[in-house]
């Protein structure tokens, strides 16, 4: 009986050890992906870009400029790559298998993968410009739709209020 228990305990221990090794290698694969994709640089560049685009978004007032420093400080303290990295590793290991992460590491480690990483910010910038042009061009249509929706809601609210006035009062209980 003791022998069976000992064998079972050794088996459970080896399974737990193997799972810990697998979890560690899975996390290591996620770390490799963050490294090969230059995730830290991309995060830093994205934060810098936010502050550069604030004036372009019509937010170049004195108040906005005064708010930028506390926002920069907050971003550096709370949203830094170093603080976010453990949680990002969790996300990657939850969403992708270790094999998938290793395949991505292999791809992004190639010249084509690096080219894609280098050019993706330009693709995103140009995509955003296309979207903004479409939104700007369609704004009159959107305004009409919103105005109609508001008018319909006002009419519905008035009809409900009118119906409540017509309804006889409920007798006290």
C-alpha atoms as a PDB file:
ATOM      1  CA  UNK A   1       0.000   0.000   0.000  1.00  0.00           C
ATOM      2  CA  UNK A   2       2.799   2.408   0.898  1.00  0.00           C
ATOM      3  CA  UNK A   3       4.533   1.508  -2.321  1.00  0.00           C
ATOM      4  CA  UNK A   4       1.470   2.481  -4.389  1.00  0.00           C
ATOM      5  CA  UNK A   5       1.209   5.775  -2.514  1.00  0.00           C
ATOM      6  CA  UNK A   6       4.905   6.453  -3.115  1.00  0.00           C
ATOM      7  CA  UNK A   7       4.577   5.726  -6.840  1.00  0.00           C
ATOM      8  CA  UNK A   8       1.478   7.926  -7.063  1.00  0.00           C
ATOM      9  CA  UNK A   9       3.215  10.763  -5.196  1.00  0.00           C
ATOM     10  CA  UNK A  10       6.285  10.522  -7.455  1.00  0.00           C
ATOM     11  CA  UNK A  11       4.074  10.527 -10.550  1.00  0.00           C
ATOM     12  CA  UNK A  12       2.106  13.575  -9.338  1.00  0.00           C
ATOM     13  CA  UNK A  13       5.336  15.360  -8.497  1.00  0.00           C
ATOM     14  CA  UNK A  14       6.827  14.672 -11.940  1.00  0.00           C
ATOM     15  CA  UNK A  15       3.637  15.867 -13.659  1.00  0.00           C
ATOM     16  CA  UNK A  16       3.642  19.089 -11.625  1.00  0.00           C
ATOM     17  CA  UNK A  17       7.340  19.595 -12.394  1.00  0.00           C
ATOM     18  CA  UNK A  18       6.724  19.013 -16.122  1.00  0.00           C
ATOM     19  CA  UNK A  19       3.824  21.478 -16.085  1.00  0.00           C
ATOM     20  CA  UNK A  20       6.009  24.101 -14.374  1.00  0.00           C
ATOM     21  CA  UNK A  21       8.716  23.555 -17.000  1.00  0.00           C
ATOM     22  CA  UNK A  22       6.122  23.846 -19.766  1.00  0.00           C
ATOM     23  CA  UNK A  23       4.683  27.026 -18.247  1.00  0.00           C
ATOM     24  CA  UNK A  24       8.184  28.500 -17.966  1.00  0.00           C
ATOM     25  CA  UNK A  25       9.040  27.658 -21.577  1.00  0.00           C
ATOM     26  CA  UNK A  26       5.654  29.007 -22.734  1.00  0.00           C
ATOM     27  CA  UNK A  27       6.331  32.285 -20.929  1.00  0.00           C
ATOM     28  CA  UNK A  28       9.879  32.354 -22.334  1.00  0.00           C
ATOM     29  CA  UNK A  29       8.442  32.020 -25.848  1.00  0.00           C
ATOM     30  CA  UNK A  30       6.130  34.983 -25.163  1.00  0.00           C
ATOM     31  CA  UNK A  31       9.122  36.967 -23.905  1.00  0.00           C
ATOM     32  CA  UNK A  32      11.057  36.131 -27.056  1.00  0.00           C
ATOM     33  CA  UNK A  33       8.135  37.369 -29.136  1.00  0.00           C
ATOM     34  CA  UNK A  34       8.029  40.682 -27.284  1.00  0.00           C
ATOM     35  CA  UNK A  35      11.771  41.046 -27.829  1.00  0.00           C
ATOM     36  CA  UNK A  36      11.811  40.172 -31.538  1.00  0.00           C
ATOM     37  CA  UNK A  37       8.815  42.428 -32.246  1.00  0.00           C
ATOM     38  CA  UNK A  38      10.481  45.336 -30.434  1.00  0.00           C
ATOM     39  CA  UNK A  39       7.405  45.679 -28.234  1.00  0.00           C
ATOM     40  CA  UNK A  40       9.115  48.002 -25.749  1.00  0.00           C
ATOM     41  CA  UNK A  41      10.194  50.423 -28.486  1.00  0.00           C
ATOM     42  CA  UNK A  42       6.734  50.310 -30.047  1.00  0.00           C
ATOM     43  CA  UNK A  43       5.107  51.109 -26.689  1.00  0.00           C
ATOM     44  CA  UNK A  44       7.491  54.012 -26.100  1.00  0.00           C
ATOM     45  CA  UNK A  45       6.965  55.334 -29.629  1.00  0.00           C
ATOM     46  CA  UNK A  46       3.195  55.073 -29.248  1.00  0.00           C
ATOM     47  CA  UNK A  47       3.248  57.100 -26.027  1.00  0.00           C
ATOM     48  CA  UNK A  48       5.430  59.759 -27.681  1.00  0.00           C
ATOM     49  CA  UNK A  49       3.085  59.859 -30.629  1.00  0.00           C
ATOM     50  CA  UNK A  50       0.105  60.526 -28.355  1.00  0.00           C
ATOM     51  CA  UNK A  51       1.746  63.677 -27.030  1.00  0.00           C
ATOM     52  CA  UNK A  52       2.828  64.812 -30.485  1.00  0.00           C
ATOM     53  CA  UNK A  53      -0.684  64.463 -31.916  1.00  0.00           C
ATOM     54  CA  UNK A  54      -2.509  66.296 -29.116  1.00  0.00           C
ATOM     55  CA  UNK A  55      -2.011  69.732 -30.710  1.00  0.00           C
ATOM     56  CA  UNK A  56      -3.075  68.370 -34.110  1.00  0.00           C
ATOM     57  CA  UNK A  57      -6.341  67.186 -32.559  1.00  0.00           C
ATOM     58  CA  UNK A  58      -7.269  70.732 -31.611  1.00  0.00           C
ATOM     59  CA  UNK A  59      -5.996  70.348 -28.074  1.00  0.00           C
ATOM     60  CA  UNK A  60      -3.242  72.942 -28.147  1.00  0.00           C
ATOM     61  CA  UNK A  61      -4.666  75.151 -25.423  1.00  0.00           C
ATOM     62  CA  UNK A  62      -2.666  76.346 -22.434  1.00  0.00           C
ATOM     63  CA  UNK A  63      -4.704  74.028 -20.197  1.00  0.00           C
ATOM     64  CA  UNK A  64      -3.904  71.035 -22.390  1.00  0.00           C
ATOM     65  CA  UNK A  65      -0.223  71.894 -22.396  1.00  0.00           C
ATOM     66  CA  UNK A  66      -0.254  72.116 -18.570  1.00  0.00           C
ATOM     67  CA  UNK A  67      -2.002  68.741 -18.382  1.00  0.00           C
ATOM     68  CA  UNK A  68       0.586  67.015 -20.567  1.00  0.00           C
ATOM     69  CA  UNK A  69       3.276  66.836 -17.896  1.00  0.00           C
ATOM     70  CA  UNK A  70       1.111  65.086 -15.274  1.00  0.00           C
ATOM     71  CA  UNK A  71      -0.147  62.794 -18.037  1.00  0.00           C
ATOM     72  CA  UNK A  72       3.432  62.011 -19.116  1.00  0.00           C
ATOM     73  CA  UNK A  73       4.357  61.306 -15.514  1.00  0.00           C
ATOM     74  CA  UNK A  74       1.323  59.060 -15.053  1.00  0.00           C
ATOM     75  CA  UNK A  75       2.085  57.164 -18.264  1.00  0.00           C
ATOM     76  CA  UNK A  76       5.725  56.704 -17.219  1.00  0.00           C
ATOM     77  CA  UNK A  77       4.778  55.477 -13.758  1.00  0.00           C
ATOM     78  CA  UNK A  78       1.672  53.398 -14.420  1.00  0.00           C
ATOM     79  CA  UNK A  79       1.717  52.472 -18.086  1.00  0.00           C
ATOM     80  CA  UNK A  80       5.423  51.859 -18.657  1.00  0.00           C
ATOM     81  CA  UNK A  81       6.446  48.784 -20.592  1.00  0.00           C
ATOM     82  CA  UNK A  82       8.242  47.461 -17.518  1.00  0.00           C
ATOM     83  CA  UNK A  83       5.020  47.592 -15.492  1.00  0.00           C
ATOM     84  CA  UNK A  84       2.852  46.234 -18.297  1.00  0.00           C
ATOM     85  CA  UNK A  85       5.201  43.465 -19.429  1.00  0.00           C
ATOM     86  CA  UNK A  86       4.210  40.776 -16.872  1.00  0.00           C
ATOM     87  CA  UNK A  87       0.540  41.242 -17.711  1.00  0.00           C
ATOM     88  CA  UNK A  88       1.263  41.287 -21.444  1.00  0.00           C
ATOM     89  CA  UNK A  89       3.140  38.002 -21.065  1.00  0.00           C
ATOM     90  CA  UNK A  90       0.067  36.585 -19.332  1.00  0.00           C
ATOM     91  CA  UNK A  91      -2.113  37.741 -22.226  1.00  0.00           C
ATOM     92  CA  UNK A  92       0.152  36.202 -24.855  1.00  0.00           C
ATOM     93  CA  UNK A  93       0.407  32.877 -23.007  1.00  0.00           C
ATOM     94  CA  UNK A  94      -3.363  32.765 -22.544  1.00  0.00           C
ATOM     95  CA  UNK A  95      -4.155  33.572 -26.167  1.00  0.00           C
ATOM     96  CA  UNK A  96      -1.404  31.685 -28.006  1.00  0.00           C
ATOM     97  CA  UNK A  97       0.021  28.224 -27.556  1.00  0.00           C
ATOM     98  CA  UNK A  98       3.747  27.888 -27.037  1.00  0.00           C
ATOM     99  CA  UNK A  99       4.089  26.439 -30.546  1.00  0.00           C
ATOM    100  CA  UNK A 100       2.237  29.428 -32.044  1.00  0.00           C
ATOM    101  CA  UNK A 101       4.446  31.866 -30.146  1.00  0.00           C
ATOM    102  CA  UNK A 102       7.572  30.081 -31.373  1.00  0.00           C
ATOM    103  CA  UNK A 103       6.311  30.229 -34.979  1.00  0.00           C
ATOM    104  CA  UNK A 104       5.711  33.969 -34.618  1.00  0.00           C
ATOM    105  CA  UNK A 105       9.186  34.422 -33.146  1.00  0.00           C
ATOM    106  CA  UNK A 106      10.582  32.552 -36.144  1.00  0.00           C
ATOM    107  CA  UNK A 107       8.627  34.724 -38.609  1.00  0.00           C
ATOM    108  CA  UNK A 108       9.379  38.073 -36.980  1.00  0.00           C
ATOM    109  CA  UNK A 109      13.039  37.057 -36.763  1.00  0.00           C
ATOM    110  CA  UNK A 110      13.235  36.886 -40.570  1.00  0.00           C
ATOM    111  CA  UNK A 111      14.076  39.870 -42.773  1.00  0.00           C
ATOM    112  CA  UNK A 112      10.454  39.871 -44.026  1.00  0.00           C
ATOM    113  CA  UNK A 113       9.113  39.815 -40.466  1.00  0.00           C
ATOM    114  CA  UNK A 114      11.381  42.708 -39.500  1.00  0.00           C
ATOM    115  CA  UNK A 115      10.338  44.612 -42.629  1.00  0.00           C
ATOM    116  CA  UNK A 116       6.702  44.147 -41.644  1.00  0.00           C
ATOM    117  CA  UNK A 117       7.420  45.472 -38.143  1.00  0.00           C
ATOM    118  CA  UNK A 118       9.334  48.447 -39.523  1.00  0.00           C
ATOM    119  CA  UNK A 119       6.616  49.396 -41.999  1.00  0.00           C
ATOM    120  CA  UNK A 120       3.541  48.648 -39.901  1.00  0.00           C
ATOM    121  CA  UNK A 121       3.518  52.085 -38.222  1.00  0.00           C
ATOM    122  CA  UNK A 122       3.320  53.675 -41.694  1.00  0.00           C
ATOM    123  CA  UNK A 123       0.517  51.305 -42.689  1.00  0.00           C
ATOM    124  CA  UNK A 124      -1.386  52.210 -39.524  1.00  0.00           C
ATOM    125  CA  UNK A 125      -0.793  55.940 -40.023  1.00  0.00           C
ATOM    126  CA  UNK A 126      -2.024  55.832 -43.602  1.00  0.00           C
ATOM    127  CA  UNK A 127      -5.001  53.673 -42.626  1.00  0.00           C
ATOM    128  CA  UNK A 128      -5.916  56.229 -39.983  1.00  0.00           C
ATOM    129  CA  UNK A 129      -5.682  59.021 -42.580  1.00  0.00           C
ATOM    130  CA  UNK A 130      -8.006  57.083 -44.910  1.00  0.00           C
ATOM    131  CA  UNK A 131     -10.484  56.543 -42.066  1.00  0.00           C
ATOM    132  CA  UNK A 132     -10.387  60.226 -41.060  1.00  0.00           C
ATOM    133  CA  UNK A 133     -11.055  61.318 -44.658  1.00  0.00           C
ATOM    134  CA  UNK A 134     -14.052  58.991 -44.822  1.00  0.00           C
ATOM    135  CA  UNK A 135     -15.378  60.206 -41.475  1.00  0.00           C
ATOM    136  CA  UNK A 136     -14.936  63.850 -42.479  1.00  0.00           C
ATOM    137  CA  UNK A 137     -16.687  63.283 -45.796  1.00  0.00           C
ATOM    138  CA  UNK A 138     -19.535  61.363 -44.160  1.00  0.00           C
ATOM    139  CA  UNK A 139     -19.993  63.773 -41.232  1.00  0.00           C
ATOM    140  CA  UNK A 140     -23.010  65.579 -42.742  1.00  0.00           C
ATOM    141  CA  UNK A 141     -24.774  62.232 -43.198  1.00  0.00           C
ATOM    142  CA  UNK A 142     -23.954  61.244 -39.620  1.00  0.00           C
ATOM    143  CA  UNK A 143     -25.247  64.567 -38.303  1.00  0.00           C
ATOM    144  CA  UNK A 144     -28.569  64.057 -40.138  1.00  0.00           C
ATOM    145  CA  UNK A 145     -28.855  60.534 -38.739  1.00  0.00           C
ATOM    146  CA  UNK A 146     -28.144  61.720 -35.191  1.00  0.00           C
ATOM    147  CA  UNK A 147     -30.540  64.643 -35.502  1.00  0.00           C
ATOM    148  CA  UNK A 148     -33.305  62.301 -36.742  1.00  0.00           C
ATOM    149  CA  UNK A 149     -32.615  59.848 -33.938  1.00  0.00           C
ATOM    150  CA  UNK A 150     -32.836  62.625 -31.332  1.00  0.00           C
ATOM    151  CA  UNK A 151     -36.075  63.904 -32.854  1.00  0.00           C
ATOM    152  CA  UNK A 152     -37.537  60.384 -32.826  1.00  0.00           C
ATOM    153  CA  UNK A 153     -36.556  59.938 -29.177  1.00  0.00           C
ATOM    154  CA  UNK A 154     -38.079  63.291 -28.203  1.00  0.00           C
ATOM    155  CA  UNK A 155     -41.318  62.375 -29.994  1.00  0.00           C
ATOM    156  CA  UNK A 156     -41.383  58.963 -28.286  1.00  0.00           C
ATOM    157  CA  UNK A 157     -40.799  60.541 -24.854  1.00  0.00           C
ATOM    158  CA  UNK A 158     -43.598  63.054 -25.459  1.00  0.00           C
ATOM    159  CA  UNK A 159     -45.980  60.284 -26.515  1.00  0.00           C
ATOM    160  CA  UNK A 160     -45.186  58.283 -23.373  1.00  0.00           C
ATOM    161  CA  UNK A 161     -45.689  61.370 -21.191  1.00  0.00           C
ATOM    162  CA  UNK A 162     -48.987  62.131 -22.940  1.00  0.00           C
ATOM    163  CA  UNK A 163     -50.198  58.536 -22.430  1.00  0.00           C
ATOM    164  CA  UNK A 164     -49.360  58.741 -18.733  1.00  0.00           C
ATOM    165  CA  UNK A 165     -51.452  61.900 -18.405  1.00  0.00           C
ATOM    166  CA  UNK A 166     -54.454  60.173 -20.037  1.00  0.00           C
ATOM    167  CA  UNK A 167     -54.248  57.054 -17.845  1.00  0.00           C
ATOM    168  CA  UNK A 168     -56.605  57.062 -14.865  1.00  0.00           C
ATOM    169  CA  UNK A 169     -54.895  57.244 -11.482  1.00  0.00           C
ATOM    170  CA  UNK A 170     -54.361  53.916  -9.726  1.00  0.00           C
ATOM    171  CA  UNK A 171     -56.451  53.401  -6.607  1.00  0.00           C
ATOM    172  CA  UNK A 172     -54.490  53.354  -3.344  1.00  0.00           C
ATOM    173  CA  UNK A 173     -53.629  49.902  -2.090  1.00  0.00           C
END
